[in-house]
């Protein structure tokens, strides 16, 4: 399938047809990873795979725990050495 590169503000983009987005379960606002394969001169776009958490654990809680760990990492590392 051929598409044209278009201007989007100061950036450039490529539109994706609805049937392709539907097959990949993507919609406006979905996150994708974009990589450049230099060896084959290709751009690779893949859906971001959402992490699944155990029942009862939500993403907000995990985010709060990760923020806590980053904020107090030096103290936690020091406690781990003791």
Protein backbone atom coordinates (compact mmCIF):
# COMPACT_ATOMS: atom_id res chain seq x y z
CA UNK A 1 0.00 0.00 0.00
CA UNK A 2 1.37 3.39 -0.91
CA UNK A 3 0.75 6.51 1.15
CA UNK A 4 2.03 10.09 0.85
CA UNK A 5 3.90 11.95 3.57
CA UNK A 6 1.92 15.01 4.70
CA UNK A 7 2.69 18.06 6.84
CA UNK A 8 1.36 18.03 10.41
CA UNK A 9 2.41 21.32 11.99
CA UNK A 10 6.22 21.35 12.01
CA UNK A 11 6.32 17.55 11.69
CA UNK A 12 5.52 15.12 8.91
CA UNK A 13 3.18 12.16 9.03
CA UNK A 14 1.55 9.34 7.13
CA UNK A 15 -2.16 8.57 7.38
CA UNK A 16 -3.16 5.02 8.18
CA UNK A 17 -6.34 3.52 6.72
CA UNK A 18 -9.15 2.59 9.13
CA UNK A 19 -9.17 -1.12 8.20
CA UNK A 20 -5.45 -1.44 9.06
CA UNK A 21 -5.97 0.35 12.39
CA UNK A 22 -8.94 -1.89 13.17
CA UNK A 23 -6.94 -5.06 12.52
CA UNK A 24 -4.24 -3.85 14.93
CA UNK A 25 -6.81 -2.63 17.51
CA UNK A 26 -5.52 0.95 17.23
CA UNK A 27 -7.45 4.21 17.39
CA UNK A 28 -6.74 7.92 17.69
CA UNK A 29 -4.59 8.32 20.81
CA UNK A 30 -3.17 4.77 20.73
CA UNK A 31 0.55 4.53 21.45
CA UNK A 32 2.98 3.04 18.93
CA UNK A 33 6.73 2.40 18.88
CA UNK A 34 8.62 3.69 15.86
CA UNK A 35 12.00 2.26 14.91
CA UNK A 36 14.35 2.78 11.99
CA UNK A 37 15.92 -0.30 10.41
CA UNK A 38 19.02 1.30 8.90
CA UNK A 39 20.20 -1.91 7.27
CA UNK A 40 17.02 -2.32 5.25
CA UNK A 41 16.08 1.39 5.06
CA UNK A 42 12.68 0.70 6.68
CA UNK A 43 10.52 2.44 9.24
CA UNK A 44 8.83 -0.02 11.62
CA UNK A 45 5.67 1.00 13.47
CA UNK A 46 4.34 -1.38 16.13
CA UNK A 47 1.54 -1.05 18.68
CA UNK A 48 2.73 -0.57 22.25
CA UNK A 49 1.93 -3.71 24.19
CA UNK A 50 0.18 -2.82 27.40
CA UNK A 51 1.44 -4.56 30.50
CA UNK A 52 -1.11 -6.75 32.21
CA UNK A 53 -1.20 -6.49 35.97
CA UNK A 54 -2.49 -9.08 38.44
CA UNK A 55 -6.14 -8.78 39.39
CA UNK A 56 -6.66 -5.92 41.85
CA UNK A 57 -3.51 -4.00 40.78
CA UNK A 58 -4.19 -1.03 38.55
CA UNK A 59 -1.85 1.08 36.42
CA UNK A 60 -2.19 4.13 38.70
CA UNK A 61 -0.93 2.13 41.69
CA UNK A 62 2.02 0.76 39.70
CA UNK A 63 2.86 4.28 38.53
CA UNK A 64 2.81 5.57 42.13
CA UNK A 65 5.12 2.76 43.28
CA UNK A 66 7.53 3.45 40.41
CA UNK A 67 7.56 7.18 41.24
CA UNK A 68 8.30 6.35 44.90
CA UNK A 69 11.17 4.04 43.92
CA UNK A 70 12.71 6.66 41.62
CA UNK A 71 12.35 9.42 44.21
CA UNK A 72 13.94 7.38 47.02
CA UNK A 73 16.30 5.17 44.97
CA UNK A 74 19.51 6.27 46.78
CA UNK A 75 18.00 5.53 50.19
CA UNK A 76 16.56 2.22 49.01
CA UNK A 77 19.92 1.20 47.49
CA UNK A 78 21.63 2.05 50.80
CA UNK A 79 19.10 0.00 52.77
CA UNK A 80 19.59 -2.93 50.40
CA UNK A 81 23.34 -2.92 51.14
CA UNK A 82 22.77 -3.25 54.89
